[in-house]
Amino acid sequence: MARTISEDNQVKGVLQNVIFAAKDSYFKILSVQVESDDFDWDEDELIVTGTFASVKPGSTYAFFWSTSDPSPLRPTVSGCSL
């Protein structure tokens, strides 16, 4: 079943730092300064993991992931947009 972005948890924030970038894939661990979210998150920072071709620190991104994620406090991002 196709899922729309509105059905997913979302967070919008500024990429602070690429903590880790795999050399053999697009997998990255990112530190994001949270600007807004649609779930109960009270911290200023969120560590995001996922597959990203290219990201730029200082840029604003919207991250989203499935509500069926077994670990909602450490989401694995399934998509990203500017």
Protein backbone atom coordinates (compact mmCIF):
# COMPACT_ATOMS: atom_id res chain seq x y z
CA MET A 1 0.00 0.00 0.00
CA ALA A 2 1.42 3.40 -0.94
CA ARG A 3 1.98 5.79 1.91
CA THR A 4 1.79 9.57 1.64
CA ILE A 5 4.07 11.92 3.53
CA SER A 6 1.12 13.13 5.62
CA GLU A 7 0.71 9.60 7.02
CA ASP A 8 4.27 9.56 8.33
CA ASN A 9 5.99 11.17 11.29
CA GLN A 10 7.78 14.29 10.17
CA VAL A 11 10.46 16.59 11.49
CA LYS A 12 11.81 19.73 9.87
CA GLY A 13 15.21 21.00 10.86
CA VAL A 14 18.62 22.34 9.97
CA LEU A 15 21.36 19.81 9.32
CA GLN A 16 24.08 20.60 11.86
CA ASN A 17 26.58 17.87 11.11
CA VAL A 18 27.13 14.64 9.21
CA ILE A 19 28.29 12.43 12.06
CA PHE A 20 29.04 9.45 9.82
CA ALA A 21 28.99 8.78 6.07
CA ALA A 22 29.62 5.27 4.73
CA LYS A 23 32.19 5.11 1.96
CA ASP A 24 30.50 2.25 0.11
CA SER A 25 26.86 3.44 0.24
CA TYR A 26 24.74 6.52 0.87
CA PHE A 27 24.07 5.61 4.52
CA LYS A 28 24.58 8.54 6.89
CA ILE A 29 24.08 9.52 10.51
CA LEU A 30 23.02 13.16 10.85
CA SER A 31 22.66 15.65 13.68
CA VAL A 32 19.59 17.84 13.04
CA GLN A 33 18.55 20.99 14.92
CA VAL A 34 14.76 20.57 15.19
CA GLU A 35 12.61 23.47 13.94
CA SER A 36 9.23 21.72 13.95
CA ASP A 37 7.75 18.23 14.28
CA ASP A 38 4.37 16.52 14.26
CA PHE A 39 5.04 14.17 17.17
CA ASP A 40 5.93 14.53 20.84
CA TRP A 41 9.62 15.54 20.70
CA ASP A 42 10.90 18.02 23.29
CA GLU A 43 14.62 18.04 22.48
CA ASP A 44 16.41 20.62 20.30
CA GLU A 45 18.42 17.95 18.47
CA LEU A 46 17.51 14.71 16.72
CA ILE A 47 19.98 12.12 15.45
CA VAL A 48 18.71 10.80 12.13
CA THR A 49 19.92 7.71 10.27
CA GLY A 50 19.11 6.81 6.71
CA THR A 51 20.17 6.75 3.10
CA PHE A 52 20.94 10.18 1.64
CA ALA A 53 22.76 10.80 -1.64
CA SER A 54 23.85 14.34 -0.81
CA VAL A 55 23.18 16.65 2.13
CA LYS A 56 24.67 19.99 3.10
CA PRO A 57 25.22 21.18 6.69
CA GLY A 58 23.34 24.41 7.32
CA SER A 59 20.53 23.46 4.93
CA THR A 60 16.94 22.87 6.06
CA TYR A 61 15.39 19.46 5.39
CA ALA A 62 12.12 17.69 6.17
CA PHE A 63 12.60 14.09 7.30
CA PHE A 64 9.84 11.52 7.50
CA TRP A 65 9.43 7.86 8.44
CA SER A 66 6.78 5.24 8.82
CA THR A 67 4.59 5.23 11.91
CA SER A 68 5.21 1.48 12.06
CA ASP A 69 8.88 2.13 12.92
CA PRO A 70 9.61 -0.04 15.98
CA SER A 71 11.89 2.64 17.47
CA PRO A 72 10.15 6.02 17.15
CA LEU A 73 12.77 7.79 19.27
CA ARG A 74 15.54 6.77 16.87
CA PRO A 75 13.83 6.77 13.47
CA THR A 76 15.35 5.40 10.35
CA VAL A 77 14.50 7.97 7.73
CA SER A 78 12.71 6.70 4.66
CA GLY A 79 12.69 10.01 2.85
CA CYS A 80 13.99 13.53 2.91
CA SER A 81 13.07 16.72 1.11
CA LEU A 82 14.08 20.37 1.01
